[in-house]
Amino acid sequence: HLKINEDIQEFQMNVETVNQDFFHRLNERFPELTSNEKQLCGLIRLNLSTKEIAAIRNITPRSAEMGRYRLRKKLHLQPEEEIQTFLQEL
């Protein structure tokens, strides 16, 4: 499990490095987001499914769904707006 955790951490660092501009814009528009919420934004932006996000973050799919739901509220998205599209266009 230690090797898997190291791989996951490395993956998350790579996501943040590749998407530095995105995370900068996200931080400017939504400074109240926690680091976990910012990580979730990065994973959603990569078009990962809820199950994939759950596996990467070592949480249940239900927890990943709740994270998405709370994130939508913090981003002030309307019901018809897709969170993934919103994040990709940010």
N, C-alpha and C. Protein backbone atom coordinates (compact mmCIF):
# COMPACT_ATOMS: atom_id res chain seq x y z
N HIS A 1 0.82 -1.21 0.00
CA HIS A 1 0.00 0.00 0.00
C HIS A 1 0.86 1.26 0.00
N LEU A 2 2.05 1.18 0.58
CA LEU A 2 2.91 2.35 0.63
C LEU A 2 3.30 2.80 -0.77
N LYS A 3 3.62 1.85 -1.64
CA LYS A 3 3.99 2.18 -3.03
C LYS A 3 2.82 2.83 -3.76
N ILE A 4 1.62 2.31 -3.55
CA ILE A 4 0.43 2.87 -4.19
C ILE A 4 0.21 4.30 -3.72
N ASN A 5 0.34 4.53 -2.41
CA ASN A 5 0.17 5.88 -1.87
C ASN A 5 1.20 6.84 -2.44
N GLU A 6 2.44 6.37 -2.59
CA GLU A 6 3.49 7.21 -3.18
C GLU A 6 3.16 7.55 -4.63
N ASP A 7 2.66 6.56 -5.37
CA ASP A 7 2.27 6.79 -6.77
C ASP A 7 1.13 7.79 -6.87
N ILE A 8 0.16 7.69 -5.98
CA ILE A 8 -0.97 8.61 -5.98
C ILE A 8 -0.49 10.02 -5.67
N GLN A 9 0.38 10.16 -4.69
CA GLN A 9 0.91 11.49 -4.35
C GLN A 9 1.68 12.08 -5.52
N GLU A 10 2.47 11.25 -6.19
CA GLU A 10 3.24 11.72 -7.34
C GLU A 10 2.29 12.15 -8.47
N PHE A 11 1.23 11.37 -8.69
CA PHE A 11 0.24 11.71 -9.71
C PHE A 11 -0.39 13.07 -9.41
N GLN A 12 -0.79 13.28 -8.16
CA GLN A 12 -1.43 14.54 -7.78
C GLN A 12 -0.47 15.72 -7.94
N MET A 13 0.80 15.52 -7.61
CA MET A 13 1.78 16.60 -7.79
C MET A 13 1.96 16.91 -9.27
N ASN A 14 1.97 15.87 -10.11
CA ASN A 14 2.09 16.07 -11.56
C ASN A 14 0.89 16.83 -12.11
N VAL A 15 -0.30 16.50 -11.62
CA VAL A 15 -1.51 17.21 -12.05
C VAL A 15 -1.38 18.69 -11.71
N GLU A 16 -0.92 18.99 -10.51
CA GLU A 16 -0.78 20.38 -10.08
C GLU A 16 0.30 21.11 -10.89
N THR A 17 1.39 20.43 -11.19
CA THR A 17 2.48 21.05 -11.95
C THR A 17 2.04 21.38 -13.37
N VAL A 18 1.41 20.42 -14.02
CA VAL A 18 0.97 20.61 -15.41
C VAL A 18 -0.11 21.68 -15.51
N ASN A 19 -0.92 21.80 -14.49
CA ASN A 19 -2.06 22.72 -14.53
C ASN A 19 -1.86 23.95 -13.65
N GLN A 20 -0.63 24.43 -13.53
CA GLN A 20 -0.35 25.57 -12.65
C GLN A 20 -1.20 26.78 -12.99
N ASP A 21 -1.34 27.09 -14.27
CA ASP A 21 -2.15 28.25 -14.67
C ASP A 21 -3.59 28.08 -14.23
N PHE A 22 -4.12 26.88 -14.42
CA PHE A 22 -5.50 26.60 -14.00
C PHE A 22 -5.65 26.82 -12.50
N PHE A 23 -4.74 26.26 -11.71
CA PHE A 23 -4.85 26.39 -10.26
C PHE A 23 -4.68 27.85 -9.82
N HIS A 24 -3.88 28.61 -10.54
CA HIS A 24 -3.73 30.03 -10.23
C HIS A 24 -5.05 30.77 -10.47
N ARG A 25 -5.68 30.51 -11.63
CA ARG A 25 -6.97 31.15 -11.93
C ARG A 25 -8.04 30.70 -10.94
N LEU A 26 -8.04 29.42 -10.60
CA LEU A 26 -9.00 28.89 -9.64
C LEU A 26 -8.85 29.59 -8.29
N ASN A 27 -7.61 29.76 -7.86
CA ASN A 27 -7.31 30.41 -6.59
C ASN A 27 -7.74 31.87 -6.59
N GLU A 28 -7.56 32.55 -7.73
CA GLU A 28 -7.95 33.95 -7.82
C GLU A 28 -9.46 34.12 -7.72
N ARG A 29 -10.20 33.25 -8.40
CA ARG A 29 -11.67 33.38 -8.43
C ARG A 29 -12.34 32.79 -7.21
N PHE A 30 -11.74 31.75 -6.63
CA PHE A 30 -12.35 31.05 -5.50
C PHE A 30 -11.32 30.82 -4.39
N PRO A 31 -10.85 31.88 -3.75
CA PRO A 31 -9.81 31.73 -2.73
C PRO A 31 -10.26 30.95 -1.49
N GLU A 32 -11.57 30.79 -1.33
CA GLU A 32 -12.08 30.09 -0.15
C GLU A 32 -12.02 28.56 -0.28
N LEU A 33 -11.66 28.05 -1.45
CA LEU A 33 -11.59 26.59 -1.63
C LEU A 33 -10.44 26.01 -0.81
N THR A 34 -10.70 24.85 -0.22
CA THR A 34 -9.65 24.16 0.53
C THR A 34 -8.71 23.46 -0.45
N SER A 35 -7.57 23.00 0.05
CA SER A 35 -6.63 22.29 -0.84
C SER A 35 -7.26 21.01 -1.38
N ASN A 36 -8.06 20.32 -0.57
CA ASN A 36 -8.76 19.12 -1.06
C ASN A 36 -9.73 19.46 -2.18
N GLU A 37 -10.44 20.56 -2.03
CA GLU A 37 -11.39 20.97 -3.06
C GLU A 37 -10.66 21.37 -4.34
N LYS A 38 -9.52 22.00 -4.21
CA LYS A 38 -8.73 22.36 -5.39
C LYS A 38 -8.23 21.10 -6.10
N GLN A 39 -7.79 20.11 -5.32
CA GLN A 39 -7.36 18.85 -5.91
C GLN A 39 -8.51 18.19 -6.65
N LEU A 40 -9.69 18.22 -6.03
CA LEU A 40 -10.87 17.63 -6.67
C LEU A 40 -11.17 18.35 -7.98
N CYS A 41 -11.05 19.66 -8.00
CA CYS A 41 -11.25 20.43 -9.24
C CYS A 41 -10.30 19.94 -10.32
N GLY A 42 -9.04 19.74 -9.96
CA GLY A 42 -8.05 19.27 -10.93
C GLY A 42 -8.40 17.91 -11.49
N LEU A 43 -8.89 17.01 -10.64
CA LEU A 43 -9.25 15.67 -11.08
C LEU A 43 -10.50 15.69 -11.96
N ILE A 44 -11.48 16.50 -11.59
CA ILE A 44 -12.69 16.62 -12.40
C ILE A 44 -12.33 17.20 -13.76
N ARG A 45 -11.45 18.17 -13.76
CA ARG A 45 -11.02 18.83 -15.01
C ARG A 45 -10.35 17.83 -15.96
N LEU A 46 -9.75 16.79 -15.41
CA LEU A 46 -9.11 15.75 -16.23
C LEU A 46 -10.11 14.75 -16.80
N ASN A 47 -11.40 15.00 -16.52
CA ASN A 47 -12.47 14.15 -17.04
C ASN A 47 -12.47 12.77 -16.38
N LEU A 48 -12.05 12.70 -15.13
CA LEU A 48 -12.07 11.43 -14.41
C LEU A 48 -13.46 11.18 -13.86
N SER A 49 -13.86 9.93 -13.85
CA SER A 49 -15.17 9.56 -13.31
C SER A 49 -15.15 9.62 -11.79
N THR A 50 -16.32 9.56 -11.20
CA THR A 50 -16.44 9.56 -9.75
C THR A 50 -15.70 8.36 -9.16
N LYS A 51 -15.83 7.20 -9.81
CA LYS A 51 -15.14 6.00 -9.33
C LYS A 51 -13.63 6.15 -9.40
N GLU A 52 -13.14 6.75 -10.48
CA GLU A 52 -11.70 6.97 -10.63
C GLU A 52 -11.18 7.95 -9.58
N ILE A 53 -11.95 9.02 -9.35
CA ILE A 53 -11.56 10.00 -8.33
C ILE A 53 -11.54 9.34 -6.96
N ALA A 54 -12.53 8.51 -6.69
CA ALA A 54 -12.60 7.80 -5.40
C ALA A 54 -11.37 6.91 -5.22
N ALA A 55 -10.99 6.19 -6.27
CA ALA A 55 -9.82 5.30 -6.18
C ALA A 55 -8.54 6.10 -5.96
N ILE A 56 -8.38 7.20 -6.68
CA ILE A 56 -7.17 8.02 -6.55
C ILE A 56 -7.07 8.62 -5.16
N ARG A 57 -8.20 9.06 -4.62
CA ARG A 57 -8.19 9.74 -3.32
C ARG A 57 -8.39 8.77 -2.15
N ASN A 58 -8.57 7.49 -2.47
CA ASN A 58 -8.77 6.46 -1.45
C ASN A 58 -9.99 6.76 -0.58
N ILE A 59 -11.10 7.10 -1.26
CA ILE A 59 -12.37 7.36 -0.58
C ILE A 59 -13.46 6.56 -1.30
N THR A 60 -14.65 6.53 -0.73
CA THR A 60 -15.75 5.81 -1.38
C THR A 60 -16.30 6.66 -2.52
N PRO A 61 -16.91 6.01 -3.52
CA PRO A 61 -17.55 6.78 -4.59
C PRO A 61 -18.60 7.76 -4.04
N ARG A 62 -19.30 7.37 -3.00
CA ARG A 62 -20.31 8.25 -2.39
C ARG A 62 -19.65 9.52 -1.83
N SER A 63 -18.50 9.36 -1.20
CA SER A 63 -17.77 10.53 -0.68
C SER A 63 -17.32 11.44 -1.83
N ALA A 64 -16.91 10.84 -2.93
CA ALA A 64 -16.50 11.63 -4.10
C ALA A 64 -17.70 12.39 -4.66
N GLU A 65 -18.87 11.74 -4.69
CA GLU A 65 -20.09 12.41 -5.16
C GLU A 65 -20.44 13.59 -4.26
N MET A 66 -20.33 13.40 -2.96
CA MET A 66 -20.63 14.48 -2.01
C MET A 66 -19.65 15.63 -2.19
N GLY A 67 -18.39 15.31 -2.43
CA GLY A 67 -17.39 16.34 -2.68
C GLY A 67 -17.73 17.16 -3.91
N ARG A 68 -18.17 16.48 -4.96
CA ARG A 68 -18.60 17.17 -6.19
C ARG A 68 -19.79 18.08 -5.91
N TYR A 69 -20.75 17.56 -5.15
CA TYR A 69 -21.96 18.33 -4.83
C TYR A 69 -21.59 19.60 -4.06
N ARG A 70 -20.78 19.45 -3.04
CA ARG A 70 -20.37 20.62 -2.24
C ARG A 70 -19.56 21.61 -3.08
N LEU A 71 -18.74 21.08 -3.96
CA LEU A 71 -17.93 21.92 -4.84
C LEU A 71 -18.81 22.73 -5.79
N ARG A 72 -19.84 22.10 -6.34
CA ARG A 72 -20.78 22.81 -7.21
C ARG A 72 -21.38 24.01 -6.49
N LYS A 73 -21.74 23.80 -5.22
CA LYS A 73 -22.33 24.90 -4.45
C LYS A 73 -21.32 26.03 -4.24
N LYS A 74 -20.09 25.68 -3.92
CA LYS A 74 -19.06 26.70 -3.68
C LYS A 74 -18.70 27.45 -4.96
N LEU A 75 -18.84 26.79 -6.10
CA LEU A 75 -18.53 27.42 -7.38
C LEU A 75 -19.75 28.18 -7.93
N HIS A 76 -20.85 28.13 -7.21
CA HIS A 76 -22.10 28.84 -7.57
C HIS A 76 -22.61 28.41 -8.95
N LEU A 77 -22.57 27.10 -9.21
CA LEU A 77 -23.03 26.60 -10.51
C LEU A 77 -24.54 26.41 -10.51
N GLN A 78 -25.15 26.71 -11.63
CA GLN A 78 -26.58 26.47 -11.82
C GLN A 78 -26.78 24.98 -12.13
N PRO A 79 -27.99 24.46 -11.87
CA PRO A 79 -28.23 23.02 -12.10
C PRO A 79 -27.90 22.56 -13.53
N GLU A 80 -28.11 23.43 -14.51
CA GLU A 80 -27.86 23.03 -15.90
C GLU A 80 -26.38 23.12 -16.28
N GLU A 81 -25.56 23.72 -15.45
CA GLU A 81 -24.13 23.86 -15.76
C GLU A 81 -23.37 22.59 -15.39
N GLU A 82 -22.50 22.17 -16.29
CA GLU A 82 -21.65 21.00 -16.05
C GLU A 82 -20.39 21.46 -15.33
N ILE A 83 -20.07 20.82 -14.22
CA ILE A 83 -18.89 21.22 -13.45
C ILE A 83 -17.61 21.00 -14.26
N GLN A 84 -17.56 19.90 -14.99
CA GLN A 84 -16.36 19.59 -15.78
C GLN A 84 -16.13 20.66 -16.85
N THR A 85 -17.17 21.04 -17.57
CA THR A 85 -17.06 22.08 -18.60
C THR A 85 -16.65 23.40 -17.98
N PHE A 86 -17.26 23.74 -16.86
CA PHE A 86 -16.93 24.98 -16.16
C PHE A 86 -15.44 25.03 -15.82
N LEU A 87 -14.93 23.94 -15.27
CA LEU A 87 -13.53 23.89 -14.86
C LEU A 87 -12.59 23.89 -16.06
N GLN A 88 -12.98 23.25 -17.15
CA GLN A 88 -12.12 23.23 -18.33
C GLN A 88 -12.05 24.60 -18.99
N GLU A 89 -13.11 25.38 -18.85
CA GLU A 89 -13.14 26.71 -19.47
C GLU A 89 -12.59 27.80 -18.56
N LEU A 90 -12.30 27.47 -17.33
CA LEU A 90 -11.81 28.46 -16.36
C LEU A 90 -10.44 28.97 -16.75
